[in-house]
Amino acid sequence: MCCSRTSDFGDAIAPTVLKIDNMLERISDFLDEEIETTLSGLTALIEPILIVFLGVVVGGMVICMFLPIFKMPEIVNPKR
């Protein structure tokens, strides 16, 4: 008697579980696409900023290297 009630209950719940499974899969797909879109937008935004930052760093290094070379004549022949 107990087993027959469990079987009827399982048969009644099975379609609902399948609906929840499909719904969760659709939500997962939607969120995956949304995260992909957000990350691609952030990457497109960060890329130019990173290029400018690296340009400033490399430019600073070049200035630091050449500044002593341009100051060399003043060091060698100081004006009195």
PDB file of N, CA and C in Angstrom:
ATOM      1  N   MET A   1       0.814  -1.184   0.000  1.00  0.00           N
ATOM      2  CA  MET A   1       0.000   0.000   0.000  1.00  0.00           C
ATOM      3  C   MET A   1       0.864   1.257   0.000  1.00  0.00           C
ATOM      4  N   CYS A   2       1.895   1.224   0.779  1.00  0.00           N
ATOM      5  CA  CYS A   2       2.783   2.372   0.855  1.00  0.00           C
ATOM      6  C   CYS A   2       3.519   2.579  -0.463  1.00  0.00           C
ATOM      7  N   CYS A   3       3.939   1.505  -1.080  1.00  0.00           N
ATOM      8  CA  CYS A   3       4.712   1.614  -2.327  1.00  0.00           C
ATOM      9  C   CYS A   3       3.870   2.144  -3.467  1.00  0.00           C
ATOM     10  N   SER A   4       2.588   1.838  -3.500  1.00  0.00           N
ATOM     11  CA  SER A   4       1.744   2.323  -4.585  1.00  0.00           C
ATOM     12  C   SER A   4       1.563   3.839  -4.498  1.00  0.00           C
ATOM     13  N   ARG A   5       1.477   4.384  -3.288  1.00  0.00           N
ATOM     14  CA  ARG A   5       1.358   5.832  -3.134  1.00  0.00           C
ATOM     15  C   ARG A   5       2.632   6.532  -3.592  1.00  0.00           C
ATOM     16  N   THR A   6       3.794   5.940  -3.275  1.00  0.00           N
ATOM     17  CA  THR A   6       5.068   6.510  -3.686  1.00  0.00           C
ATOM     18  C   THR A   6       5.188   6.513  -5.207  1.00  0.00           C
ATOM     19  N   SER A   7       4.749   5.468  -5.844  1.00  0.00           N
ATOM     20  CA  SER A   7       4.819   5.381  -7.301  1.00  0.00           C
ATOM     21  C   SER A   7       3.919   6.446  -7.939  1.00  0.00           C
ATOM     22  N   ASP A   8       2.729   6.623  -7.404  1.00  0.00           N
ATOM     23  CA  ASP A   8       1.827   7.639  -7.943  1.00  0.00           C
ATOM     24  C   ASP A   8       2.411   9.036  -7.739  1.00  0.00           C
ATOM     25  N   PHE A   9       3.002   9.242  -6.576  1.00  0.00           N
ATOM     26  CA  PHE A   9       3.622  10.543  -6.281  1.00  0.00           C
ATOM     27  C   PHE A   9       4.787  10.811  -7.233  1.00  0.00           C
ATOM     28  N   GLY A  10       5.626   9.792  -7.504  1.00  0.00           N
ATOM     29  CA  GLY A  10       6.753   9.929  -8.422  1.00  0.00           C
ATOM     30  C   GLY A  10       6.303  10.231  -9.836  1.00  0.00           C
ATOM     31  N   ASP A  11       5.204   9.594 -10.259  1.00  0.00           N
ATOM     32  CA  ASP A  11       4.683   9.846 -11.603  1.00  0.00           C
ATOM     33  C   ASP A  11       4.132  11.262 -11.734  1.00  0.00           C
ATOM     34  N   ALA A  12       3.603  11.784 -10.649  1.00  0.00           N
ATOM     35  CA  ALA A  12       3.043  13.141 -10.687  1.00  0.00           C
ATOM     36  C   ALA A  12       4.147  14.196 -10.678  1.00  0.00           C
ATOM     37  N   ILE A  13       5.267  13.899 -10.049  1.00  0.00           N
ATOM     38  CA  ILE A  13       6.349  14.887  -9.918  1.00  0.00           C
ATOM     39  C   ILE A  13       7.267  14.887 -11.141  1.00  0.00           C
ATOM     40  N   ALA A  14       7.383  13.796 -11.847  1.00  0.00           N
ATOM     41  CA  ALA A  14       8.337  13.666 -12.959  1.00  0.00           C
ATOM     42  C   ALA A  14       8.198  14.777 -14.003  1.00  0.00           C
ATOM     43  N   PRO A  15       7.032  15.137 -14.489  1.00  0.00           N
ATOM     44  CA  PRO A  15       6.952  16.234 -15.480  1.00  0.00           C
ATOM     45  C   PRO A  15       7.407  17.579 -14.915  1.00  0.00           C
ATOM     46  N   THR A  16       7.122  17.817 -13.635  1.00  0.00           N
ATOM     47  CA  THR A  16       7.534  19.077 -13.008  1.00  0.00           C
ATOM     48  C   THR A  16       9.049  19.152 -12.917  1.00  0.00           C
ATOM     49  N   VAL A  17       9.680  18.046 -12.577  1.00  0.00           N
ATOM     50  CA  VAL A  17      11.137  18.015 -12.483  1.00  0.00           C
ATOM     51  C   VAL A  17      11.759  18.262 -13.851  1.00  0.00           C
ATOM     52  N   LEU A  18      11.176  17.702 -14.896  1.00  0.00           N
ATOM     53  CA  LEU A  18      11.687  17.933 -16.251  1.00  0.00           C
ATOM     54  C   LEU A  18      11.529  19.395 -16.651  1.00  0.00           C
ATOM     55  N   LYS A  19      10.429  20.026 -16.253  1.00  0.00           N
ATOM     56  CA  LYS A  19      10.239  21.442 -16.560  1.00  0.00           C
ATOM     57  C   LYS A  19      11.277  22.298 -15.834  1.00  0.00           C
ATOM     58  N   ILE A  20      11.540  21.978 -14.567  1.00  0.00           N
ATOM     59  CA  ILE A  20      12.545  22.727 -13.807  1.00  0.00           C
ATOM     60  C   ILE A  20      13.922  22.539 -14.424  1.00  0.00           C
ATOM     61  N   ASP A  21      14.211  21.315 -14.848  1.00  0.00           N
ATOM     62  CA  ASP A  21      15.501  21.027 -15.489  1.00  0.00           C
ATOM     63  C   ASP A  21      15.683  21.868 -16.746  1.00  0.00           C
ATOM     64  N   ASN A  22      14.667  21.908 -17.589  1.00  0.00           N
ATOM     65  CA  ASN A  22      14.743  22.712 -18.817  1.00  0.00           C
ATOM     66  C   ASN A  22      14.850  24.199 -18.499  1.00  0.00           C
ATOM     67  N   MET A  23      14.084  24.649 -17.486  1.00  0.00           N
ATOM     68  CA  MET A  23      14.120  26.060 -17.121  1.00  0.00           C
ATOM     69  C   MET A  23      15.509  26.457 -16.604  1.00  0.00           C
ATOM     70  N   LEU A  24      16.099  25.629 -15.755  1.00  0.00           N
ATOM     71  CA  LEU A  24      17.434  25.934 -15.236  1.00  0.00           C
ATOM     72  C   LEU A  24      18.486  25.916 -16.340  1.00  0.00           C
ATOM     73  N   GLU A  25      18.326  25.032 -17.296  1.00  0.00           N
ATOM     74  CA  GLU A  25      19.266  24.993 -18.422  1.00  0.00           C
ATOM     75  C   GLU A  25      19.153  26.256 -19.273  1.00  0.00           C
ATOM     76  N   ARG A  26      17.932  26.732 -19.503  1.00  0.00           N
ATOM     77  CA  ARG A  26      17.740  27.967 -20.271  1.00  0.00           C
ATOM     78  C   ARG A  26      18.309  29.174 -19.527  1.00  0.00           C
ATOM     79  N   ILE A  27      18.100  29.224 -18.205  1.00  0.00           N
ATOM     80  CA  ILE A  27      18.650  30.323 -17.403  1.00  0.00           C
ATOM     81  C   ILE A  27      20.169  30.296 -17.454  1.00  0.00           C
ATOM     82  N   SER A  28      20.738  29.096 -17.365  1.00  0.00           N
ATOM     83  CA  SER A  28      22.196  28.956 -17.421  1.00  0.00           C
ATOM     84  C   SER A  28      22.740  29.436 -18.765  1.00  0.00           C
ATOM     85  N   ASP A  29      22.083  29.063 -19.846  1.00  0.00           N
ATOM     86  CA  ASP A  29      22.523  29.515 -21.171  1.00  0.00           C
ATOM     87  C   ASP A  29      22.423  31.034 -21.301  1.00  0.00           C
ATOM     88  N   PHE A  30      21.327  31.602 -20.792  1.00  0.00           N
ATOM     89  CA  PHE A  30      21.151  33.046 -20.861  1.00  0.00           C
ATOM     90  C   PHE A  30      22.245  33.776 -20.081  1.00  0.00           C
ATOM     91  N   LEU A  31      22.522  33.303 -18.866  1.00  0.00           N
ATOM     92  CA  LEU A  31      23.546  33.956 -18.045  1.00  0.00           C
ATOM     93  C   LEU A  31      24.943  33.781 -18.647  1.00  0.00           C
ATOM     94  N   ASP A  32      25.211  32.638 -19.267  1.00  0.00           N
ATOM     95  CA  ASP A  32      26.502  32.442 -19.941  1.00  0.00           C
ATOM     96  C   ASP A  32      26.684  33.455 -21.064  1.00  0.00           C
ATOM     97  N   GLU A  33      25.643  33.664 -21.856  1.00  0.00           N
ATOM     98  CA  GLU A  33      25.714  34.631 -22.953  1.00  0.00           C
ATOM     99  C   GLU A  33      25.869  36.053 -22.416  1.00  0.00           C
ATOM    100  N   GLU A  34      25.171  36.360 -21.325  1.00  0.00           N
ATOM    101  CA  GLU A  34      25.253  37.700 -20.749  1.00  0.00           C
ATOM    102  C   GLU A  34      26.656  37.975 -20.199  1.00  0.00           C
ATOM    103  N   ILE A  35      27.241  37.002 -19.530  1.00  0.00           N
ATOM    104  CA  ILE A  35      28.595  37.164 -19.003  1.00  0.00           C
ATOM    105  C   ILE A  35      29.591  37.302 -20.153  1.00  0.00           C
ATOM    106  N   GLU A  36      29.413  36.524 -21.199  1.00  0.00           N
ATOM    107  CA  GLU A  36      30.297  36.613 -22.375  1.00  0.00           C
ATOM    108  C   GLU A  36      30.238  38.002 -22.997  1.00  0.00           C
ATOM    109  N   THR A  37      29.037  38.540 -23.132  1.00  0.00           N
ATOM    110  CA  THR A  37      28.865  39.876 -23.703  1.00  0.00           C
ATOM    111  C   THR A  37      29.495  40.945 -22.811  1.00  0.00           C
ATOM    112  N   THR A  38      29.282  40.830 -21.512  1.00  0.00           N
ATOM    113  CA  THR A  38      29.846  41.803 -20.575  1.00  0.00           C
ATOM    114  C   THR A  38      31.362  41.770 -20.591  1.00  0.00           C
ATOM    115  N   LEU A  39      31.942  40.569 -20.595  1.00  0.00           N
ATOM    116  CA  LEU A  39      33.396  40.453 -20.599  1.00  0.00           C
ATOM    117  C   LEU A  39      34.009  40.965 -21.901  1.00  0.00           C
ATOM    118  N   SER A  40      33.357  40.725 -23.014  1.00  0.00           N
ATOM    119  CA  SER A  40      33.895  41.231 -24.277  1.00  0.00           C
ATOM    120  C   SER A  40      33.833  42.767 -24.304  1.00  0.00           C
ATOM    121  N   GLY A  41      32.784  43.349 -23.736  1.00  0.00           N
ATOM    122  CA  GLY A  41      32.694  44.805 -23.652  1.00  0.00           C
ATOM    123  C   GLY A  41      33.763  45.387 -22.744  1.00  0.00           C
ATOM    124  N   LEU A  42      34.003  44.755 -21.599  1.00  0.00           N
ATOM    125  CA  LEU A  42      35.042  45.234 -20.686  1.00  0.00           C
ATOM    126  C   LEU A  42      36.428  45.094 -21.309  1.00  0.00           C
ATOM    127  N   THR A  43      36.642  44.015 -22.029  1.00  0.00           N
ATOM    128  CA  THR A  43      37.929  43.825 -22.700  1.00  0.00           C
ATOM    129  C   THR A  43      38.147  44.911 -23.748  1.00  0.00           C
ATOM    130  N   ALA A  44      37.104  45.224 -24.494  1.00  0.00           N
ATOM    131  CA  ALA A  44      37.217  46.281 -25.497  1.00  0.00           C
ATOM    132  C   ALA A  44      37.459  47.640 -24.851  1.00  0.00           C
ATOM    133  N   LEU A  45      36.967  47.846 -23.640  1.00  0.00           N
ATOM    134  CA  LEU A  45      37.167  49.114 -22.935  1.00  0.00           C
ATOM    135  C   LEU A  45      38.558  49.204 -22.319  1.00  0.00           C
ATOM    136  N   ILE A  46      39.046  48.115 -21.769  1.00  0.00           N
ATOM    137  CA  ILE A  46      40.336  48.119 -21.068  1.00  0.00           C
ATOM    138  C   ILE A  46      41.513  48.138 -22.047  1.00  0.00           C
ATOM    139  N   GLU A  47      41.353  47.563 -23.205  1.00  0.00           N
ATOM    140  CA  GLU A  47      42.462  47.441 -24.163  1.00  0.00           C
ATOM    141  C   GLU A  47      43.084  48.787 -24.537  1.00  0.00           C
ATOM    142  N   PRO A  48      42.330  49.814 -24.952  1.00  0.00           N
ATOM    143  CA  PRO A  48      42.966  51.105 -25.283  1.00  0.00           C
ATOM    144  C   PRO A  48      43.615  51.769 -24.071  1.00  0.00           C
ATOM    145  N   ILE A  49      42.992  51.621 -22.908  1.00  0.00           N
ATOM    146  CA  ILE A  49      43.574  52.207 -21.692  1.00  0.00           C
ATOM    147  C   ILE A  49      44.915  51.554 -21.399  1.00  0.00           C
ATOM    148  N   LEU A  50      44.997  50.252 -21.559  1.00  0.00           N
ATOM    149  CA  LEU A  50      46.246  49.534 -21.326  1.00  0.00           C
ATOM    150  C   LEU A  50      47.323  49.945 -22.328  1.00  0.00           C
ATOM    151  N   ILE A  51      46.943  50.156 -23.579  1.00  0.00           N
ATOM    152  CA  ILE A  51      47.908  50.590 -24.590  1.00  0.00           C
ATOM    153  C   ILE A  51      48.462  51.973 -24.250  1.00  0.00           C
ATOM    154  N   VAL A  52      47.602  52.899 -23.824  1.00  0.00           N
ATOM    155  CA  VAL A  52      48.061  54.241 -23.447  1.00  0.00           C
ATOM    156  C   VAL A  52      48.983  54.154 -22.232  1.00  0.00           C
ATOM    157  N   PHE A  53      48.613  53.365 -21.235  1.00  0.00           N
ATOM    158  CA  PHE A  53      49.439  53.204 -20.040  1.00  0.00           C
ATOM    159  C   PHE A  53      50.824  52.659 -20.397  1.00  0.00           C
ATOM    160  N   LEU A  54      50.882  51.634 -21.236  1.00  0.00           N
ATOM    161  CA  LEU A  54      52.176  51.087 -21.639  1.00  0.00           C
ATOM    162  C   LEU A  54      52.985  52.095 -22.446  1.00  0.00           C
ATOM    163  N   GLY A  55      52.321  52.900 -23.264  1.00  0.00           N
ATOM    164  CA  GLY A  55      53.020  53.949 -24.011  1.00  0.00           C
ATOM    165  C   GLY A  55      53.642  54.977 -23.082  1.00  0.00           C
ATOM    166  N   VAL A  56      52.916  55.349 -22.034  1.00  0.00           N
ATOM    167  CA  VAL A  56      53.459  56.309 -21.068  1.00  0.00           C
ATOM    168  C   VAL A  56      54.650  55.705 -20.329  1.00  0.00           C
ATOM    169  N   VAL A  57      54.555  54.456 -19.950  1.00  0.00           N
ATOM    170  CA  VAL A  57      55.662  53.806 -19.240  1.00  0.00           C
ATOM    171  C   VAL A  57      56.897  53.709 -20.127  1.00  0.00           C
ATOM    172  N   VAL A  58      56.724  53.264 -21.362  1.00  0.00           N
ATOM    173  CA  VAL A  58      57.861  53.143 -22.280  1.00  0.00           C
ATOM    174  C   VAL A  58      58.422  54.521 -22.607  1.00  0.00           C
ATOM    175  N   GLY A  59      57.566  55.517 -22.814  1.00  0.00           N
ATOM    176  CA  GLY A  59      58.030  56.883 -23.070  1.00  0.00           C
ATOM    177  C   GLY A  59      58.826  57.433 -21.900  1.00  0.00           C
ATOM    178  N   GLY A  60      58.372  57.164 -20.684  1.00  0.00           N
ATOM    179  CA  GLY A  60      59.117  57.586 -19.500  1.00  0.00           C
ATOM    180  C   GLY A  60      60.487  56.941 -19.420  1.00  0.00           C
ATOM    181  N   MET A  61      60.560  55.677 -19.767  1.00  0.00           N
ATOM    182  CA  MET A  61      61.859  54.994 -19.770  1.00  0.00           C
ATOM    183  C   MET A  61      62.800  55.586 -20.815  1.00  0.00           C
ATOM    184  N   VAL A  62      62.264  55.887 -21.985  1.00  0.00           N
ATOM    185  CA  VAL A  62      63.092  56.480 -23.040  1.00  0.00           C
ATOM    186  C   VAL A  62      63.601  57.849 -22.613  1.00  0.00           C
ATOM    187  N   ILE A  63      62.747  58.657 -22.013  1.00  0.00           N
ATOM    188  CA  ILE A  63      63.173  59.982 -21.535  1.00  0.00           C
ATOM    189  C   ILE A  63      64.245  59.836 -20.462  1.00  0.00           C
ATOM    190  N   CYS A  64      64.052  58.869 -19.549  1.00  0.00           N
ATOM    191  CA  CYS A  64      65.053  58.651 -18.495  1.00  0.00           C
ATOM    192  C   CYS A  64      66.394  58.191 -19.063  1.00  0.00           C
ATOM    193  N   MET A  65      66.367  57.488 -20.181  1.00  0.00           N
ATOM    194  CA  MET A  65      67.630  57.048 -20.794  1.00  0.00           C
ATOM    195  C   MET A  65      68.323  58.180 -21.539  1.00  0.00           C
ATOM    196  N   PHE A  66      67.571  58.999 -22.274  1.00  0.00           N
ATOM    197  CA  PHE A  66      68.190  60.018 -23.120  1.00  0.00           C
ATOM    198  C   PHE A  66      68.482  61.328 -22.403  1.00  0.00           C
ATOM    199  N   LEU A  67      67.827  61.606 -21.302  1.00  0.00           N
ATOM    200  CA  LEU A  67      68.055  62.865 -20.588  1.00  0.00           C
ATOM    201  C   LEU A  67      69.508  63.013 -20.132  1.00  0.00           C
ATOM    202  N   PRO A  68      70.145  61.988 -19.576  1.00  0.00           N
ATOM    203  CA  PRO A  68      71.561  62.142 -19.219  1.00  0.00           C
ATOM    204  C   PRO A  68      72.465  62.357 -20.437  1.00  0.00           C
ATOM    205  N   ILE A  69      72.098  61.768 -21.559  1.00  0.00           N
ATOM    206  CA  ILE A  69      72.912  61.951 -22.770  1.00  0.00           C
ATOM    207  C   ILE A  69      72.834  63.407 -23.236  1.00  0.00           C
ATOM    208  N   PHE A  70      71.658  64.019 -23.163  1.00  0.00           N
ATOM    209  CA  PHE A  70      71.518  65.407 -23.573  1.00  0.00           C
ATOM    210  C   PHE A  70      72.166  66.365 -22.569  1.00  0.00           C
ATOM    211  N   LYS A  71      72.276  65.972 -21.324  1.00  0.00           N
ATOM    212  CA  LYS A  71      72.917  66.810 -20.295  1.00  0.00           C
ATOM    213  C   LYS A  71      74.442  66.640 -20.286  1.00  0.00           C
ATOM    214  N   MET A  72      74.987  65.726 -21.046  1.00  0.00           N
ATOM    215  CA  MET A  72      76.417  65.427 -21.039  1.00  0.00           C
ATOM    216  C   MET A  72      77.290  66.645 -21.382  1.00  0.00           C
ATOM    217  N   PRO A  73      76.944  67.459 -22.397  1.00  0.00           N
ATOM    218  CA  PRO A  73      77.806  68.626 -22.672  1.00  0.00           C
ATOM    219  C   PRO A  73      77.890  69.605 -21.508  1.00  0.00           C
ATOM    220  N   GLU A  74      76.818  69.769 -20.761  1.00  0.00           N
ATOM    221  CA  GLU A  74      76.868  70.670 -19.605  1.00  0.00           C
ATOM    222  C   GLU A  74      77.745  70.102 -18.497  1.00  0.00           C
ATOM    223  N   ILE A  75      77.784  68.799 -18.382  1.00  0.00           N
ATOM    224  CA  ILE A  75      78.600  68.166 -17.358  1.00  0.00           C
ATOM    225  C   ILE A  75      80.075  68.253 -17.742  1.00  0.00           C
ATOM    226  N   VAL A  76      80.390  68.020 -19.026  1.00  0.00           N
ATOM    227  CA  VAL A  76      81.768  68.018 -19.484  1.00  0.00           C
ATOM    228  C   VAL A  76      82.367  69.444 -19.507  1.00  0.00           C
ATOM    229  N   ASN A  77      81.648  70.409 -20.066  1.00  0.00           N
ATOM    230  CA  ASN A  77      82.101  71.810 -20.143  1.00  0.00           C
ATOM    231  C   ASN A  77      81.158  72.706 -19.384  1.00  0.00           C
ATOM    232  N   PRO A  78      81.298  72.788 -18.076  1.00  0.00           N
ATOM    233  CA  PRO A  78      80.367  73.658 -17.318  1.00  0.00           C
ATOM    234  C   PRO A  78      80.674  75.141 -17.568  1.00  0.00           C
ATOM    235  N   LYS A  79      79.644  75.932 -17.668  1.00  0.00           N
ATOM    236  CA  LYS A  79      79.805  77.381 -17.866  1.00  0.00           C
ATOM    237  C   LYS A  79      80.040  78.018 -16.499  1.00  0.00           C
ATOM    238  N   ARG A  80      80.992  78.924 -16.456  1.00  0.00           N
ATOM    239  CA  ARG A  80      81.324  79.555 -15.174  1.00  0.00           C
ATOM    240  C   ARG A  80      80.626  80.833 -14.992  1.00  0.00           C
TER     241      ARG A  80
END
